[in-house]
Amino acid sequence: MSEPLKCFTAYDVRGRVPEELNKDIAARIGLAFCRQIDAGKVVIGHDIRLSSPGINENLCQVLTKAGIDVVDIGLCCTEEIYFAAFQGEGDGVDGGIMVTASHNPSDYNGMKFVSRGARPMSSDSGLLEVAKNAASEDWYNSTLPEQPDHIGRHSKMPNKYKYISHLLSSIDKDALQPLKIVVNAGNGCAGPVIDLLEQHLPVNFIKLNHEPDGSFPKGVPNPLLPENREETAQAVREHGADLGLAWDGDADRCFFFDEN
């Protein structure tokens, strides 16, 4: 029997790279997830971590070799994977995989999973079975054929137009008053989305740590840590901003600052 993988939590995958999680382990986990939900087509994306592109690329190769179609949206926020899985259900998307370790240190990586309709997978909805199968070399070798009958299609779709349109549909742009907002992306995934929203909104964005950078030059992007809040708070005060916003690495956590 294979040793249990140490990178599984109750809700997702988080592990130190490369000893607990690397591109080969991630590919086994991704295939186990797809088999668990009987997926024929999945959406895949990744965060800014330096190990994420390699994990993402190998994952796409293994899944397509297994006959699974992959829609690769590239660098993205976790919420973009959820949206793409939900929005693509009518086009046959069975689930989504996000390569990210969220707000963990830079030497970690991980994976988050949603099934059809962007329903999250956790230990009570299939993740335990995924962990068991991914840990088994015998299962993996028997599941991934040497010469597959069918190769899945790998489609790259980095365009964020549908996601941006979805975000804008939730507000009345004409009712918005001009605002000055400090935004701290933490060198994570939020920056590109802010740039695309900016042209549609009456907002003057003061941008901090805006460019995606997996080396985390300002430290782990986690605004919930008290020591990470002062930079944003100070900028709000210095610029006389109406509010401030700060995100974690994969932009699924957001911290708000008022004008004070």
Protein backbone atom coordinates (compact mmCIF):
# COMPACT_ATOMS: atom_id res chain seq x y z
CA MET A 1 0.00 0.00 0.00
CA SER A 2 1.25 3.48 -0.85
CA GLU A 3 2.02 6.05 1.84
CA PRO A 4 -0.75 8.65 2.37
CA LEU A 5 0.03 12.02 0.83
CA LYS A 6 0.74 14.67 3.47
CA CYS A 7 -0.53 17.60 1.42
CA PHE A 8 -4.28 17.01 1.84
CA THR A 9 -6.39 19.10 4.21
CA ALA A 10 -10.12 18.84 4.90
CA TYR A 11 -10.91 21.24 2.06
CA ASP A 12 -8.02 21.32 -0.39
CA VAL A 13 -4.34 20.53 -0.99
CA ARG A 14 -1.45 22.47 0.61
CA GLY A 15 2.14 21.28 0.76
CA ARG A 16 5.76 22.34 0.81
CA VAL A 17 7.41 22.22 -2.63
CA PRO A 18 8.87 19.85 -3.72
CA GLU A 19 8.88 17.32 -0.87
CA GLU A 20 5.13 17.36 -0.16
CA LEU A 21 3.81 18.65 -3.49
CA ASN A 22 5.44 18.82 -6.92
CA LYS A 23 4.30 18.61 -10.53
CA ASP A 24 4.13 14.80 -10.52
CA ILE A 25 2.17 14.54 -7.27
CA ALA A 26 -0.13 17.34 -8.45
CA ALA A 27 -0.80 15.50 -11.72
CA ARG A 28 -1.77 12.34 -9.84
CA ILE A 29 -4.07 14.36 -7.60
CA GLY A 30 -5.61 16.14 -10.58
CA LEU A 31 -6.29 12.88 -12.39
CA ALA A 32 -7.78 11.33 -9.25
CA PHE A 33 -10.08 14.35 -8.91
CA CYS A 34 -11.22 14.10 -12.52
CA ARG A 35 -11.93 10.38 -12.20
CA GLN A 36 -13.80 10.97 -8.93
CA ILE A 37 -16.26 13.36 -10.61
CA ASP A 38 -16.20 11.48 -13.95
CA ALA A 39 -14.97 14.60 -15.73
CA GLY A 40 -14.62 14.83 -19.47
CA LYS A 41 -13.73 18.53 -19.42
CA VAL A 42 -12.23 20.75 -16.72
CA VAL A 43 -11.06 24.33 -16.29
CA ILE A 44 -7.55 24.85 -14.89
CA GLY A 45 -5.75 27.98 -13.72
CA HIS A 46 -2.88 28.98 -11.46
CA ASP A 47 -1.65 31.72 -9.13
CA ILE A 48 1.60 33.71 -9.16
CA ARG A 49 3.81 31.28 -7.24
CA LEU A 50 7.03 30.42 -9.02
CA SER A 51 6.19 26.70 -9.00
CA SER A 52 2.63 27.18 -10.28
CA PRO A 53 3.21 27.41 -14.08
CA GLY A 54 5.18 24.14 -14.13
CA ILE A 55 2.57 22.33 -12.04
CA ASN A 56 -0.17 23.73 -14.27
CA GLU A 57 1.58 22.68 -17.49
CA ASN A 58 2.28 19.13 -16.34
CA LEU A 59 -1.27 18.79 -15.03
CA CYS A 60 -2.64 19.76 -18.44
CA GLN A 61 -0.39 17.23 -20.17
CA VAL A 62 -1.39 14.34 -17.91
CA LEU A 63 -5.12 15.09 -18.05
CA THR A 64 -5.20 15.39 -21.84
CA LYS A 65 -3.23 12.14 -22.10
CA ALA A 66 -6.00 10.58 -20.01
CA GLY A 67 -8.56 11.78 -22.58
CA ILE A 68 -9.82 14.78 -20.60
CA ASP A 69 -10.37 18.13 -22.31
CA VAL A 70 -8.69 21.04 -20.52
CA VAL A 71 -9.62 24.73 -20.68
CA ASP A 72 -6.48 26.49 -19.43
CA ILE A 73 -7.18 30.06 -18.30
CA GLY A 74 -3.61 30.65 -17.09
CA LEU A 75 -2.77 33.16 -14.35
CA CYS A 76 -5.98 33.93 -12.50
CA CYS A 77 -7.72 34.52 -9.19
CA THR A 78 -9.40 31.54 -7.51
CA GLU A 79 -12.79 33.18 -8.06
CA GLU A 80 -12.14 33.09 -11.83
CA ILE A 81 -11.95 29.29 -11.70
CA TYR A 82 -15.24 29.16 -9.80
CA PHE A 83 -16.85 31.48 -12.35
CA ALA A 84 -15.46 29.57 -15.35
CA ALA A 85 -16.69 26.23 -13.96
CA PHE A 86 -20.16 27.63 -13.28
CA GLN A 87 -20.42 29.60 -16.51
CA GLY A 88 -19.06 26.72 -18.60
CA GLU A 89 -21.36 24.01 -17.29
CA GLY A 90 -23.62 24.39 -20.33
CA ASP A 91 -20.59 23.83 -22.55
CA GLY A 92 -19.69 20.58 -20.86
CA VAL A 93 -17.33 21.79 -18.12
CA ASP A 94 -17.48 19.23 -15.32
CA GLY A 95 -15.24 20.93 -12.79
CA GLY A 96 -12.28 23.15 -12.07
CA ILE A 97 -8.79 23.00 -10.54
CA MET A 98 -6.96 26.02 -9.16
CA VAL A 99 -3.23 25.64 -8.54
CA THR A 100 -2.60 27.82 -5.48
CA ALA A 101 -1.52 27.77 -1.86
CA SER A 102 -3.49 30.96 -1.18
CA HIS A 103 -1.81 32.90 1.66
CA ASN A 104 0.76 30.23 2.61
CA PRO A 105 4.53 30.97 2.43
CA SER A 106 6.22 31.10 -0.97
CA ASP A 107 7.76 27.62 -0.70
CA TYR A 108 4.27 26.07 -0.57
CA ASN A 109 1.78 25.30 -3.29
CA GLY A 110 -1.59 23.61 -3.42
CA MET A 111 -4.81 22.88 -5.29
CA LYS A 112 -8.48 23.77 -4.88
CA PHE A 113 -11.29 21.84 -6.55
CA VAL A 114 -14.87 22.43 -7.66
CA SER A 115 -17.18 19.99 -9.40
CA ARG A 116 -20.08 20.73 -11.76
CA GLY A 117 -21.68 24.08 -11.21
CA ALA A 118 -18.66 25.22 -9.16
CA ARG A 119 -19.64 23.10 -6.15
CA PRO A 120 -16.62 22.89 -3.84
CA MET A 121 -15.14 19.49 -3.04
CA SER A 122 -14.09 18.72 0.52
CA SER A 123 -13.49 15.68 2.73
CA ASP A 124 -17.22 14.97 3.00
CA SER A 125 -17.83 15.20 -0.75
CA GLY A 126 -15.11 13.11 -2.38
CA LEU A 127 -11.76 14.57 -1.36
CA LEU A 128 -10.88 11.60 0.86
CA GLU A 129 -11.32 9.27 -2.11
CA VAL A 130 -9.18 11.57 -4.26
CA ALA A 131 -6.43 11.46 -1.62
CA LYS A 132 -6.58 7.67 -1.41
CA ASN A 133 -6.34 7.14 -5.17
CA ALA A 134 -3.69 9.80 -5.73
CA ALA A 135 -1.45 8.09 -3.17
CA SER A 136 -1.62 4.76 -5.02
CA GLU A 137 0.99 4.15 -7.70
CA ASP A 138 -0.95 1.09 -8.83
CA TRP A 139 -4.14 3.12 -9.25
CA TYR A 140 -2.35 5.84 -11.19
CA ASN A 141 -0.54 3.44 -13.53
CA SER A 142 -3.73 1.51 -14.25
CA THR A 143 -5.72 4.69 -14.85
CA LEU A 144 -3.29 6.48 -17.18
CA PRO A 145 -2.83 4.28 -20.27
CA GLU A 146 0.49 4.02 -22.07
CA GLN A 147 -1.24 4.49 -25.43
CA PRO A 148 -4.60 6.20 -24.90
CA ASP A 149 -7.45 5.75 -27.36
CA HIS A 150 -8.29 9.42 -27.18
CA ILE A 151 -6.20 12.51 -26.41
CA GLY A 152 -8.03 15.34 -24.74
CA ARG A 153 -8.01 18.85 -26.18
CA HIS A 154 -5.92 21.56 -24.48
CA SER A 155 -7.46 25.01 -25.06
CA LYS A 156 -5.78 28.15 -23.74
CA MET A 157 -8.28 30.88 -22.88
CA PRO A 158 -6.58 33.65 -20.86
CA ASN A 159 -9.11 36.32 -21.89
CA LYS A 160 -10.92 37.68 -18.82
CA TYR A 161 -13.72 39.47 -20.72
CA LYS A 162 -16.56 37.24 -19.49
CA TYR A 163 -15.39 37.41 -15.89
CA ILE A 164 -15.06 41.20 -15.97
CA SER A 165 -18.52 41.50 -17.54
CA HIS A 166 -19.90 39.28 -14.79
CA LEU A 167 -18.38 41.48 -12.06
CA LEU A 168 -19.69 44.67 -13.66
CA SER A 169 -23.18 43.20 -14.01
CA SER A 170 -23.53 43.25 -10.21
CA ILE A 171 -23.37 47.05 -9.93
CA ASP A 172 -25.07 50.13 -11.36
CA LYS A 173 -22.10 51.99 -12.82
CA ASP A 174 -24.14 55.12 -13.52
CA ALA A 175 -25.03 55.41 -9.83
CA LEU A 176 -21.40 55.37 -8.67
CA GLN A 177 -19.80 58.56 -7.44
CA PRO A 178 -16.10 59.22 -8.16
CA LEU A 179 -13.94 57.48 -5.59
CA LYS A 180 -10.29 57.30 -4.60
CA ILE A 181 -9.39 53.76 -3.51
CA VAL A 182 -6.08 52.31 -2.35
CA VAL A 183 -5.71 48.76 -3.69
CA ASN A 184 -2.98 46.43 -2.43
CA ALA A 185 -2.74 43.28 -4.53
CA GLY A 186 0.19 41.97 -2.47
CA ASN A 187 1.98 41.09 -5.74
CA GLY A 188 -0.71 38.44 -6.17
CA CYS A 189 -3.40 37.74 -8.73
CA ALA A 190 -5.72 40.70 -8.10
CA GLY A 191 -3.70 43.28 -10.07
CA PRO A 192 -4.67 42.25 -13.63
CA VAL A 193 -8.37 42.15 -12.69
CA ILE A 194 -8.18 45.63 -11.14
CA ASP A 195 -6.58 46.96 -14.32
CA LEU A 196 -9.43 45.58 -16.45
CA LEU A 197 -12.10 46.96 -14.11
CA GLU A 198 -10.45 50.37 -13.92
CA GLN A 199 -11.45 51.46 -17.42
CA HIS A 200 -15.13 50.92 -16.59
CA LEU A 201 -15.33 52.64 -13.20
CA PRO A 202 -15.19 56.27 -11.97
CA VAL A 203 -12.40 55.32 -9.57
CA ASN A 204 -8.90 56.63 -9.05
CA PHE A 205 -6.96 53.56 -7.94
CA ILE A 206 -3.82 54.05 -5.83
CA LYS A 207 -1.98 50.81 -6.54
CA LEU A 208 0.38 49.11 -4.09
CA ASN A 209 2.41 45.94 -4.80
CA HIS A 210 0.41 45.70 -7.98
CA GLU A 211 2.48 43.54 -10.32
CA PRO A 212 2.17 39.76 -9.94
CA ASP A 213 5.42 38.45 -8.47
CA GLY A 214 5.73 34.93 -7.11
CA SER A 215 8.88 35.80 -5.16
CA PHE A 216 6.64 37.80 -2.77
CA PRO A 217 9.02 40.78 -2.41
CA LYS A 218 6.90 42.28 0.40
CA GLY A 219 6.34 38.95 2.15
CA VAL A 220 3.40 36.56 2.18
CA PRO A 221 0.32 38.32 0.76
CA ASN A 222 -2.04 37.83 3.68
CA PRO A 223 -3.88 41.01 4.77
CA LEU A 224 -5.37 39.20 7.74
CA LEU A 225 -1.96 39.39 9.46
CA PRO A 226 -1.75 42.59 11.54
CA GLU A 227 1.83 43.26 10.38
CA ASN A 228 0.65 43.33 6.74
CA ARG A 229 -2.05 45.97 7.24
CA GLU A 230 -0.10 49.14 8.01
CA GLU A 231 1.17 49.77 4.46
CA THR A 232 -2.38 49.92 3.12
CA ALA A 233 -3.70 51.89 6.10
CA GLN A 234 -0.92 54.45 5.79
CA ALA A 235 -1.55 54.89 2.06
CA VAL A 236 -5.26 55.48 2.70
CA ARG A 237 -4.40 58.27 5.14
CA GLU A 238 -1.64 59.82 3.00
CA HIS A 239 -3.75 59.96 -0.16
CA GLY A 240 -6.99 60.94 1.54
CA ALA A 241 -8.63 57.87 0.03
CA ASP A 242 -12.26 56.91 0.53
CA LEU A 243 -11.27 53.35 1.40
CA GLY A 244 -8.61 50.70 0.97
CA LEU A 245 -8.68 47.11 -0.23
CA ALA A 246 -6.04 44.41 0.21
CA TRP A 247 -6.07 40.84 -1.11
CA ASP A 248 -4.24 37.61 -0.44
CA GLY A 249 -2.23 35.78 -3.11
CA ASP A 250 -5.08 34.16 -5.04
CA ALA A 251 -7.47 37.05 -4.32
CA ASP A 252 -10.20 35.05 -2.60
CA ARG A 253 -9.68 36.96 0.66
CA CYS A 254 -10.17 40.72 0.85
CA PHE A 255 -9.57 43.11 3.75
CA PHE A 256 -11.34 46.50 3.87
CA PHE A 257 -9.98 49.75 5.33
CA ASP A 258 -12.16 52.79 5.98
CA GLU A 259 -11.04 56.38 5.37
CA ASN A 260 -9.37 56.56 8.76
